[in-house]
Amino acid sequence: MFKDFQEHRISTGQAEIHLLTGGAGPPLLLLHGYPQNHVAWHAVAPRLRDHFSLVIPDLRGYGESKGPPPDTDHFNYSKRAMAQDMVVLMETLGHERFMLAGHDRGGRVGYRLALDHPGRVSHFAAIDIIPTLAAAECMNQDTALSTYHWLFLAQPAPMPERLIGHDPEFYLRHLLDRWAGDREALDPNAVAEYIRHFRKSSVIEATCEDYRAGMGIDLAHDRADRDAGRRIGCPTLILWGQRYLASKAQSPLEVWRSWADDVLEIALDCGHFVMEEQPENCAAALHDFFSAA
């Protein structure tokens, strides 16, 4: 699915990150979300490789990447820790400064990296998310039901791990069906790769820890930045799917304007899996935005 891309493993200290590299041009880091891995970029990467040097990792604990054991504060799977992985990874590859696009959990790692390491990210694209603190603060009965997985996955171990582990393929397919605007647009070969990795108990554990951090320490980090007046200073693209959770979908632009100084919005007619449901339009939007750099 990634013809002519090179495979690597890079230690970042706590984690060992599996990644692909390919293409030519300025460096562009592409981060996937839950419940996927780097394969989520399979339809977009070939459309960008002639213009950018692409770096496409699995986040710690996801896919083929190895993460540390869980800790009581869930810092080991915080977006701050995952962002530090990416800084070390890009430095190892020779990229002190780079562009970044992140979908879902990868978008949360991306904006945390832009806040914690503002000199590193020249341009940032967040795909189908709002900041974690904003999502938590606007949660009500309706959003809690429609995004129930936030609360389920954040429950103390080992409850969600045991329930998902009983039939991981069922749970992954349930999420894909629930979040996709066009389920048939997802390549069966990509879905098979998601399932293959999601069957690993280590991946289930890491992804639950990711969400525990999201409903705990990540909120504390976001709140500290907001209270201190820290904002994302680099140009920011908000790319989102208008059919994600159907009637629940609405423009995230105003939310992002309270977190970033220079925000552009593009909405696509798709569900949550923007890169796979609308690969041509997604790649075009990312190309135009990052080429402006």
C-alpha atoms as a PDB file:
ATOM      1  CA  MET A   1       0.000   0.000   0.000  1.00  0.00           C
ATOM      2  CA  PHE A   2       3.076   2.225   0.360  1.00  0.00           C
ATOM      3  CA  LYS A   3       5.111   1.365  -2.712  1.00  0.00           C
ATOM      4  CA  ASP A   4       8.690   2.719  -2.623  1.00  0.00           C
ATOM      5  CA  PHE A   5       8.416   3.898   0.998  1.00  0.00           C
ATOM      6  CA  GLN A   6      11.169   2.863   3.409  1.00  0.00           C
ATOM      7  CA  GLU A   7      10.502   1.225   6.785  1.00  0.00           C
ATOM      8  CA  HIS A   8      12.353   2.262   9.956  1.00  0.00           C
ATOM      9  CA  ARG A   9      12.359   1.739  13.726  1.00  0.00           C
ATOM     10  CA  ILE A  10      13.544   4.585  15.934  1.00  0.00           C
ATOM     11  CA  SER A  11      13.948   4.552  19.706  1.00  0.00           C
ATOM     12  CA  THR A  12      12.756   7.716  21.426  1.00  0.00           C
ATOM     13  CA  GLY A  13      13.804   6.630  24.913  1.00  0.00           C
ATOM     14  CA  GLN A  14      10.510   5.393  26.365  1.00  0.00           C
ATOM     15  CA  ALA A  15       9.130   4.098  23.062  1.00  0.00           C
ATOM     16  CA  GLU A  16      10.229   2.388  19.868  1.00  0.00           C
ATOM     17  CA  ILE A  17       8.486   3.948  16.902  1.00  0.00           C
ATOM     18  CA  HIS A  18       7.776   2.149  13.643  1.00  0.00           C
ATOM     19  CA  LEU A  19       7.527   4.498  10.666  1.00  0.00           C
ATOM     20  CA  LEU A  20       7.665   4.853   6.912  1.00  0.00           C
ATOM     21  CA  THR A  21       9.479   7.565   4.958  1.00  0.00           C
ATOM     22  CA  GLY A  22       9.239   8.507   1.315  1.00  0.00           C
ATOM     23  CA  GLY A  23       9.018  11.342  -1.154  1.00  0.00           C
ATOM     24  CA  ALA A  24      11.036  14.482  -1.738  1.00  0.00           C
ATOM     25  CA  GLY A  25      10.730  18.086  -0.594  1.00  0.00           C
ATOM     26  CA  PRO A  26      10.181  19.796   2.758  1.00  0.00           C
ATOM     27  CA  PRO A  27       9.459  17.445   5.685  1.00  0.00           C
ATOM     28  CA  LEU A  28       5.829  16.651   6.490  1.00  0.00           C
ATOM     29  CA  LEU A  29       4.878  14.495   9.482  1.00  0.00           C
ATOM     30  CA  LEU A  30       1.571  12.591   9.113  1.00  0.00           C
ATOM     31  CA  LEU A  31      -0.083  11.228  12.290  1.00  0.00           C
ATOM     32  CA  HIS A  32      -2.962   8.755  12.400  1.00  0.00           C
ATOM     33  CA  GLY A  33      -5.814   8.376  14.878  1.00  0.00           C
ATOM     34  CA  TYR A  34      -7.782   5.732  16.787  1.00  0.00           C
ATOM     35  CA  PRO A  35      -8.445   2.848  16.156  1.00  0.00           C
ATOM     36  CA  GLN A  36      -6.025   2.883  13.229  1.00  0.00           C
ATOM     37  CA  ASN A  37      -2.300   3.137  12.518  1.00  0.00           C
ATOM     38  CA  HIS A  38      -0.067   4.623   9.811  1.00  0.00           C
ATOM     39  CA  VAL A  39      -2.041   2.728   7.119  1.00  0.00           C
ATOM     40  CA  ALA A  40      -4.756   5.405   7.453  1.00  0.00           C
ATOM     41  CA  TRP A  41      -2.592   7.542   5.132  1.00  0.00           C
ATOM     42  CA  HIS A  42      -2.337   4.928   2.361  1.00  0.00           C
ATOM     43  CA  ALA A  43      -4.543   6.827  -0.121  1.00  0.00           C
ATOM     44  CA  VAL A  44      -3.173  10.310   0.623  1.00  0.00           C
ATOM     45  CA  ALA A  45       0.573   9.635   0.870  1.00  0.00           C
ATOM     46  CA  PRO A  46       1.025   8.727  -2.832  1.00  0.00           C
ATOM     47  CA  ARG A  47      -0.642  12.018  -3.772  1.00  0.00           C
ATOM     48  CA  LEU A  48       1.791  14.026  -1.607  1.00  0.00           C
ATOM     49  CA  ARG A  49       5.087  12.187  -2.054  1.00  0.00           C
ATOM     50  CA  ASP A  50       6.206  14.170  -5.118  1.00  0.00           C
ATOM     51  CA  HIS A  51       6.014  17.411  -3.126  1.00  0.00           C
ATOM     52  CA  PHE A  52       7.059  16.545   0.437  1.00  0.00           C
ATOM     53  CA  SER A  53       9.419  14.282   2.356  1.00  0.00           C
ATOM     54  CA  LEU A  54       6.800  12.262   4.201  1.00  0.00           C
ATOM     55  CA  VAL A  55       7.261  10.741   7.662  1.00  0.00           C
ATOM     56  CA  ILE A  56       4.406   8.397   8.616  1.00  0.00           C
ATOM     57  CA  PRO A  57       4.741   6.729  12.046  1.00  0.00           C
ATOM     58  CA  ASP A  58       2.600   4.547  14.262  1.00  0.00           C
ATOM     59  CA  LEU A  59       2.010   6.396  17.537  1.00  0.00           C
ATOM     60  CA  ARG A  60       3.494   4.752  20.619  1.00  0.00           C
ATOM     61  CA  GLY A  61       1.614   1.553  21.408  1.00  0.00           C
ATOM     62  CA  TYR A  62      -0.283   1.591  18.099  1.00  0.00           C
ATOM     63  CA  GLY A  63       0.411  -0.603  15.072  1.00  0.00           C
ATOM     64  CA  GLU A  64       3.992  -1.871  15.108  1.00  0.00           C
ATOM     65  CA  SER A  65       5.250   0.764  17.584  1.00  0.00           C
ATOM     66  CA  LYS A  66       6.123  -0.254  21.130  1.00  0.00           C
ATOM     67  CA  GLY A  67       5.068   1.878  24.064  1.00  0.00           C
ATOM     68  CA  PRO A  68       6.031   1.892  27.739  1.00  0.00           C
ATOM     69  CA  PRO A  69       3.984   0.228  30.476  1.00  0.00           C
ATOM     70  CA  PRO A  70       0.996   2.179  31.814  1.00  0.00           C
ATOM     71  CA  ASP A  71       1.587   4.458  34.784  1.00  0.00           C
ATOM     72  CA  THR A  72      -0.810   5.638  37.478  1.00  0.00           C
ATOM     73  CA  ASP A  73      -1.021   9.210  36.130  1.00  0.00           C
ATOM     74  CA  HIS A  74      -1.312   7.991  32.499  1.00  0.00           C
ATOM     75  CA  PHE A  75       1.503  10.348  31.505  1.00  0.00           C
ATOM     76  CA  ASN A  76       3.145   7.615  29.448  1.00  0.00           C
ATOM     77  CA  TYR A  77       0.289   7.884  26.937  1.00  0.00           C
ATOM     78  CA  SER A  78      -0.327  11.602  27.278  1.00  0.00           C
ATOM     79  CA  LYS A  79      -0.205  13.718  24.161  1.00  0.00           C
ATOM     80  CA  ARG A  80       2.786  15.498  25.677  1.00  0.00           C
ATOM     81  CA  ALA A  81       4.738  12.229  25.808  1.00  0.00           C
ATOM     82  CA  MET A  82       3.614  11.256  22.306  1.00  0.00           C
ATOM     83  CA  ALA A  83       4.570  14.694  20.987  1.00  0.00           C
ATOM     84  CA  GLN A  84       8.043  14.305  22.494  1.00  0.00           C
ATOM     85  CA  ASP A  85       8.365  11.014  20.590  1.00  0.00           C
ATOM     86  CA  MET A  86       7.760  12.900  17.374  1.00  0.00           C
ATOM     87  CA  VAL A  87      10.321  15.600  18.186  1.00  0.00           C
ATOM     88  CA  VAL A  88      12.988  12.951  18.817  1.00  0.00           C
ATOM     89  CA  LEU A  89      11.945  10.972  15.728  1.00  0.00           C
ATOM     90  CA  MET A  90      12.112  13.999  13.433  1.00  0.00           C
ATOM     91  CA  GLU A  91      15.456  15.116  14.907  1.00  0.00           C
ATOM     92  CA  THR A  92      16.844  11.635  14.299  1.00  0.00           C
ATOM     93  CA  LEU A  93      15.781  11.929  10.662  1.00  0.00           C
ATOM     94  CA  GLY A  94      17.473  15.330  10.421  1.00  0.00           C
ATOM     95  CA  HIS A  95      14.337  17.512  10.572  1.00  0.00           C
ATOM     96  CA  GLU A  96      14.606  20.258  13.183  1.00  0.00           C
ATOM     97  CA  ARG A  97      11.538  22.059  11.814  1.00  0.00           C
ATOM     98  CA  PHE A  98       8.700  20.485   9.888  1.00  0.00           C
ATOM     99  CA  MET A  99       5.051  20.615   8.870  1.00  0.00           C
ATOM    100  CA  LEU A 100       2.506  18.378  10.573  1.00  0.00           C
ATOM    101  CA  ALA A 101      -0.935  16.932   9.794  1.00  0.00           C
ATOM    102  CA  GLY A 102      -2.763  14.830  12.359  1.00  0.00           C
ATOM    103  CA  HIS A 103      -6.094  13.024  12.270  1.00  0.00           C
ATOM    104  CA  ASP A 104      -8.108  12.221  15.402  1.00  0.00           C
ATOM    105  CA  ARG A 105      -5.658  11.280  18.223  1.00  0.00           C
ATOM    106  CA  GLY A 106      -2.808  12.242  15.919  1.00  0.00           C
ATOM    107  CA  GLY A 107      -4.310  15.714  15.661  1.00  0.00           C
ATOM    108  CA  ARG A 108      -4.251  15.953  19.455  1.00  0.00           C
ATOM    109  CA  VAL A 109      -0.603  14.948  19.480  1.00  0.00           C
ATOM    110  CA  GLY A 110      -0.078  17.564  16.772  1.00  0.00           C
ATOM    111  CA  TYR A 111      -1.539  20.531  18.594  1.00  0.00           C
ATOM    112  CA  ARG A 112       0.213  19.518  21.806  1.00  0.00           C
ATOM    113  CA  LEU A 113       3.508  19.444  19.870  1.00  0.00           C
ATOM    114  CA  ALA A 114       2.768  22.875  18.398  1.00  0.00           C
ATOM    115  CA  LEU A 115       2.109  24.254  21.894  1.00  0.00           C
ATOM    116  CA  ASP A 116       5.013  22.530  23.670  1.00  0.00           C
ATOM    117  CA  HIS A 117       7.568  23.008  20.867  1.00  0.00           C
ATOM    118  CA  PRO A 118       6.471  26.095  18.914  1.00  0.00           C
ATOM    119  CA  GLY A 119       9.775  26.371  17.064  1.00  0.00           C
ATOM    120  CA  ARG A 120       9.391  22.926  15.557  1.00  0.00           C
ATOM    121  CA  VAL A 121       6.118  23.165  13.624  1.00  0.00           C
ATOM    122  CA  SER A 122       5.904  25.623  10.747  1.00  0.00           C
ATOM    123  CA  HIS A 123       2.356  24.696   9.631  1.00  0.00           C
ATOM    124  CA  PHE A 124      -0.228  22.461  11.326  1.00  0.00           C
ATOM    125  CA  ALA A 125      -3.316  20.704   9.935  1.00  0.00           C
ATOM    126  CA  ALA A 126      -5.839  19.251  12.404  1.00  0.00           C
ATOM    127  CA  ILE A 127      -8.181  16.730  10.809  1.00  0.00           C
ATOM    128  CA  ASP A 128     -11.663  16.275  12.278  1.00  0.00           C
ATOM    129  CA  ILE A 129     -11.044  17.261  15.888  1.00  0.00           C
ATOM    130  CA  ILE A 130     -11.380  20.124  18.317  1.00  0.00           C
ATOM    131  CA  PRO A 131      -8.967  20.497  21.263  1.00  0.00           C
ATOM    132  CA  THR A 132      -9.510  17.897  23.970  1.00  0.00           C
ATOM    133  CA  LEU A 133     -10.389  20.409  26.693  1.00  0.00           C
ATOM    134  CA  ALA A 134     -12.988  22.057  24.451  1.00  0.00           C
ATOM    135  CA  ALA A 135     -14.524  18.656  23.669  1.00  0.00           C
ATOM    136  CA  ALA A 136     -14.708  17.736  27.352  1.00  0.00           C
ATOM    137  CA  GLU A 137     -16.176  21.072  28.410  1.00  0.00           C
ATOM    138  CA  CYS A 138     -18.967  20.977  25.827  1.00  0.00           C
ATOM    139  CA  MET A 139     -19.932  17.370  26.606  1.00  0.00           C
ATOM    140  CA  ASN A 140     -23.609  16.976  27.485  1.00  0.00           C
ATOM    141  CA  GLN A 141     -26.161  14.170  27.368  1.00  0.00           C
ATOM    142  CA  ASP A 142     -26.284  14.101  23.572  1.00  0.00           C
ATOM    143  CA  THR A 143     -22.539  14.315  22.959  1.00  0.00           C
ATOM    144  CA  ALA A 144     -21.828  11.793  25.728  1.00  0.00           C
ATOM    145  CA  LEU A 145     -24.065   9.296  23.942  1.00  0.00           C
ATOM    146  CA  SER A 146     -22.681   9.994  20.472  1.00  0.00           C
ATOM    147  CA  THR A 147     -19.046   9.916  21.644  1.00  0.00           C
ATOM    148  CA  TYR A 148     -19.512   7.305  24.360  1.00  0.00           C
ATOM    149  CA  HIS A 149     -16.142   5.715  23.535  1.00  0.00           C
ATOM    150  CA  TRP A 150     -14.346   8.605  25.252  1.00  0.00           C
ATOM    151  CA  LEU A 151     -15.909   7.629  28.576  1.00  0.00           C
ATOM    152  CA  PHE A 152     -15.816   3.870  27.988  1.00  0.00           C
ATOM    153  CA  LEU A 153     -12.147   3.668  27.025  1.00  0.00           C
ATOM    154  CA  ALA A 154     -11.155   5.953  29.914  1.00  0.00           C
ATOM    155  CA  GLN A 155     -12.601   3.597  32.543  1.00  0.00           C
ATOM    156  CA  PRO A 156     -10.017   2.049  34.882  1.00  0.00           C
ATOM    157  CA  ALA A 157      -8.121  -1.016  33.681  1.00  0.00           C
ATOM    158  CA  PRO A 158      -8.788  -3.776  32.981  1.00  0.00           C
ATOM    159  CA  MET A 159     -12.500  -3.327  32.257  1.00  0.00           C
ATOM    160  CA  PRO A 160     -12.416  -1.865  28.706  1.00  0.00           C
ATOM    161  CA  GLU A 161      -9.389  -3.986  27.786  1.00  0.00           C
ATOM    162  CA  ARG A 162     -11.221  -7.167  28.784  1.00  0.00           C
ATOM    163  CA  LEU A 163     -14.432  -6.273  26.965  1.00  0.00           C
ATOM    164  CA  ILE A 164     -12.675  -5.192  23.743  1.00  0.00           C
ATOM    165  CA  GLY A 165     -10.271  -8.122  23.944  1.00  0.00           C
ATOM    166  CA  HIS A 166     -13.165 -10.585  23.928  1.00  0.00           C
ATOM    167  CA  ASP A 167     -13.919  -9.645  20.289  1.00  0.00           C
ATOM    168  CA  PRO A 168     -11.585  -6.866  19.057  1.00  0.00           C
ATOM    169  CA  GLU A 169     -12.602  -7.213  15.417  1.00  0.00           C
ATOM    170  CA  PHE A 170     -16.254  -6.645  16.304  1.00  0.00           C
ATOM    171  CA  TYR A 171     -15.420  -3.497  18.271  1.00  0.00           C
ATOM    172  CA  LEU A 172     -13.166  -2.052  15.576  1.00  0.00           C
ATOM    173  CA  ARG A 173     -15.741  -2.673  12.847  1.00  0.00           C
ATOM    174  CA  HIS A 174     -18.423  -1.146  15.076  1.00  0.00           C
ATOM    175  CA  LEU A 175     -16.370   2.067  15.321  1.00  0.00           C
ATOM    176  CA  LEU A 176     -15.657   2.185  11.587  1.00  0.00           C
ATOM    177  CA  ASP A 177     -19.350   1.688  10.784  1.00  0.00           C
ATOM    178  CA  ARG A 178     -20.392   4.294  13.356  1.00  0.00           C
ATOM    179  CA  TRP A 179     -17.953   7.024  12.333  1.00  0.00           C
ATOM    180  CA  ALA A 180     -17.692   6.673   8.557  1.00  0.00           C
ATOM    181  CA  GLY A 181     -19.889   8.751   6.301  1.00  0.00           C
ATOM    182  CA  ASP A 182     -19.279   6.229   3.497  1.00  0.00           C
ATOM    183  CA  ARG A 183     -18.214   2.907   4.983  1.00  0.00           C
ATOM    184  CA  GLU A 184     -17.648   1.401   1.523  1.00  0.00           C
ATOM    185  CA  ALA A 185     -14.920   3.980   0.859  1.00  0.00           C
ATOM    186  CA  LEU A 186     -12.607   2.273   3.351  1.00  0.00           C
ATOM    187  CA  ASP A 187     -10.244  -0.087   1.547  1.00  0.00           C
ATOM    188  CA  PRO A 188     -10.743  -3.686   2.795  1.00  0.00           C
ATOM    189  CA  ASN A 189      -6.970  -4.183   2.768  1.00  0.00           C
ATOM    190  CA  ALA A 190      -6.517  -1.204   5.085  1.00  0.00           C
ATOM    191  CA  VAL A 191      -9.305  -2.437   7.363  1.00  0.00           C
ATOM    192  CA  ALA A 192      -7.613  -5.852   7.506  1.00  0.00           C
ATOM    193  CA  GLU A 193      -4.422  -4.140   8.699  1.00  0.00           C
ATOM    194  CA  TYR A 194      -6.307  -2.226  11.399  1.00  0.00           C
ATOM    195  CA  ILE A 195      -7.875  -5.483  12.572  1.00  0.00           C
ATOM    196  CA  ARG A 196      -4.549  -7.343  12.541  1.00  0.00           C
ATOM    197  CA  HIS A 197      -2.968  -4.843  14.912  1.00  0.00           C
ATOM    198  CA  PHE A 198      -6.071  -4.237  17.002  1.00  0.00           C
ATOM    199  CA  ARG A 199      -6.124  -7.918  17.966  1.00  0.00           C
ATOM    200  CA  LYS A 200      -2.900  -7.387  19.972  1.00  0.00           C
ATOM    201  CA  SER A 201      -3.517  -7.068  23.714  1.00  0.00           C
ATOM    202  CA  SER A 202      -0.668  -4.521  23.881  1.00  0.00           C
ATOM    203  CA  VAL A 203      -2.422  -2.280  21.326  1.00  0.00           C
ATOM    204  CA  ILE A 204      -5.754  -2.515  23.143  1.00  0.00           C
ATOM    205  CA  GLU A 205      -4.030  -1.585  26.415  1.00  0.00           C
ATOM    206  CA  ALA A 206      -2.098   1.335  24.872  1.00  0.00           C
ATOM    207  CA  THR A 207      -5.156   2.763  23.142  1.00  0.00           C
ATOM    208  CA  CYS A 208      -7.192   2.632  26.349  1.00  0.00           C
ATOM    209  CA  GLU A 209      -4.335   4.397  28.137  1.00  0.00           C
ATOM    210  CA  ASP A 210      -4.405   7.022  25.381  1.00  0.00           C
ATOM    211  CA  TYR A 211      -8.040   7.776  26.247  1.00  0.00           C
ATOM    212  CA  ARG A 212      -7.420   7.676  30.005  1.00  0.00           C
ATOM    213  CA  ALA A 213      -4.772  10.313  29.472  1.00  0.00           C
ATOM    214  CA  GLY A 214      -7.231  12.217  27.284  1.00  0.00           C
ATOM    215  CA  MET A 215      -9.795  12.448  30.057  1.00  0.00           C
ATOM    216  CA  GLY A 216      -7.200  13.230  32.706  1.00  0.00           C
ATOM    217  CA  ILE A 217      -3.671  14.557  32.337  1.00  0.00           C
ATOM    218  CA  ASP A 218      -4.228  15.874  28.792  1.00  0.00           C
ATOM    219  CA  LEU A 219      -7.023  18.095  30.109  1.00  0.00           C
ATOM    220  CA  ALA A 220      -4.691  19.434  32.797  1.00  0.00           C
ATOM    221  CA  HIS A 221      -2.061  20.281  30.163  1.00  0.00           C
ATOM    222  CA  ASP A 222      -4.643  21.995  27.935  1.00  0.00           C
ATOM    223  CA  ARG A 223      -6.075  23.934  30.870  1.00  0.00           C
ATOM    224  CA  ALA A 224      -2.627  25.115  31.969  1.00  0.00           C
ATOM    225  CA  ASP A 225      -1.911  26.432  28.466  1.00  0.00           C
ATOM    226  CA  ARG A 226      -5.253  28.184  28.227  1.00  0.00           C
ATOM    227  CA  ASP A 227      -4.842  29.765  31.665  1.00  0.00           C
ATOM    228  CA  ALA A 228      -1.352  30.958  30.714  1.00  0.00           C
ATOM    229  CA  GLY A 229      -2.588  32.391  27.408  1.00  0.00           C
ATOM    230  CA  ARG A 230      -0.434  30.078  25.284  1.00  0.00           C
ATOM    231  CA  ARG A 231      -1.709  29.676  21.726  1.00  0.00           C
ATOM    232  CA  ILE A 232      -0.731  27.941  18.505  1.00  0.00           C
ATOM    233  CA  GLY A 233       1.201  30.549  16.571  1.00  0.00           C
ATOM    234  CA  CYS A 234       1.799  28.782  13.267  1.00  0.00           C
ATOM    235  CA  PRO A 235      -0.715  28.782  10.379  1.00  0.00           C
ATOM    236  CA  THR A 236      -3.368  26.158  11.137  1.00  0.00           C
ATOM    237  CA  LEU A 237      -5.717  24.310   8.803  1.00  0.00           C
ATOM    238  CA  ILE A 238      -8.889  22.754  10.186  1.00  0.00           C
ATOM    239  CA  LEU A 239     -10.050  19.991   7.827  1.00  0.00           C
ATOM    240  CA  TRP A 240     -13.226  18.192   8.847  1.00  0.00           C
ATOM    241  CA  GLY A 241     -15.966  15.830   7.663  1.00  0.00           C
ATOM    242  CA  GLN A 242     -19.493  17.175   7.550  1.00  0.00           C
ATOM    243  CA  ARG A 243     -21.056  13.735   7.955  1.00  0.00           C
ATOM    244  CA  TYR A 244     -19.223  12.612  11.085  1.00  0.00           C
ATOM    245  CA  LEU A 245     -21.948  11.546  13.528  1.00  0.00           C
ATOM    246  CA  ALA A 246     -24.472  12.963  11.048  1.00  0.00           C
ATOM    247  CA  SER A 247     -26.468  15.815  12.622  1.00  0.00           C
ATOM    248  CA  LYS A 248     -23.884  16.262  15.395  1.00  0.00           C
ATOM    249  CA  ALA A 249     -21.309  17.619  12.925  1.00  0.00           C
ATOM    250  CA  GLN A 250     -20.788  21.372  12.994  1.00  0.00           C
ATOM    251  CA  SER A 251     -18.036  23.779  12.092  1.00  0.00           C
ATOM    252  CA  PRO A 252     -15.136  23.730  14.568  1.00  0.00           C
ATOM    253  CA  LEU A 253     -13.753  27.046  13.331  1.00  0.00           C
ATOM    254  CA  GLU A 254     -14.790  29.246  16.245  1.00  0.00           C
ATOM    255  CA  VAL A 255     -13.478  26.744  18.767  1.00  0.00           C
ATOM    256  CA  TRP A 256     -10.089  26.676  17.064  1.00  0.00           C
ATOM    257  CA  ARG A 257      -9.917  30.465  16.885  1.00  0.00           C
ATOM    258  CA  SER A 258      -9.738  30.476  20.673  1.00  0.00           C
ATOM    259  CA  TRP A 259      -6.636  28.257  20.507  1.00  0.00           C
ATOM    260  CA  ALA A 260      -4.762  29.381  17.384  1.00  0.00           C
ATOM    261  CA  ASP A 261      -3.867  32.752  15.854  1.00  0.00           C
ATOM    262  CA  ASP A 262      -4.119  31.976  12.128  1.00  0.00           C
ATOM    263  CA  VAL A 263      -6.851  29.474  11.241  1.00  0.00           C
ATOM    264  CA  LEU A 264      -8.205  28.309   7.878  1.00  0.00           C
ATOM    265  CA  GLU A 265     -11.196  25.946   7.603  1.00  0.00           C
ATOM    266  CA  ILE A 266     -12.074  23.415   4.891  1.00  0.00           C
ATOM    267  CA  ALA A 267     -15.119  21.119   5.206  1.00  0.00           C
ATOM    268  CA  LEU A 268     -15.494  17.970   3.106  1.00  0.00           C
ATOM    269  CA  ASP A 269     -18.570  15.860   2.382  1.00  0.00           C
ATOM    270  CA  CYS A 270     -17.550  12.766   4.329  1.00  0.00           C
ATOM    271  CA  GLY A 271     -17.500  11.173   7.740  1.00  0.00           C
ATOM    272  CA  HIS A 272     -14.675  10.951  10.245  1.00  0.00           C
ATOM    273  CA  PHE A 273     -12.187   9.055   8.076  1.00  0.00           C
ATOM    274  CA  VAL A 274     -11.375  12.044   5.899  1.00  0.00           C
ATOM    275  CA  MET A 275      -8.169  10.670   4.364  1.00  0.00           C
ATOM    276  CA  GLU A 276      -9.869   7.468   3.222  1.00  0.00           C
ATOM    277  CA  GLU A 277     -13.348   8.718   2.347  1.00  0.00           C
ATOM    278  CA  GLN A 278     -12.112  11.774   0.402  1.00  0.00           C
ATOM    279  CA  PRO A 279      -8.443  11.061  -0.386  1.00  0.00           C
ATOM    280  CA  GLU A 280      -8.218  13.252  -3.489  1.00  0.00           C
ATOM    281  CA  ASN A 281      -9.815  16.296  -1.876  1.00  0.00           C
ATOM    282  CA  CYS A 282      -7.975  15.732   1.380  1.00  0.00           C
ATOM    283  CA  ALA A 283      -4.623  15.501  -0.387  1.00  0.00           C
ATOM    284  CA  ALA A 284      -5.408  18.600  -2.455  1.00  0.00           C
ATOM    285  CA  ALA A 285      -6.291  20.598   0.661  1.00  0.00           C
ATOM    286  CA  LEU A 286      -3.120  19.506   2.443  1.00  0.00           C
ATOM    287  CA  HIS A 287      -0.980  20.119  -0.640  1.00  0.00           C
ATOM    288  CA  ASP A 288      -2.297  23.653  -1.117  1.00  0.00           C
ATOM    289  CA  PHE A 289      -1.955  24.510   2.575  1.00  0.00           C
ATOM    290  CA  PHE A 290       1.547  23.138   3.059  1.00  0.00           C
ATOM    291  CA  SER A 291       2.807  24.362  -0.310  1.00  0.00           C
ATOM    292  CA  ALA A 292       2.055  27.900   0.873  1.00  0.00           C
ATOM    293  CA  ALA A 293       4.871  27.381   3.385  1.00  0.00           C
END
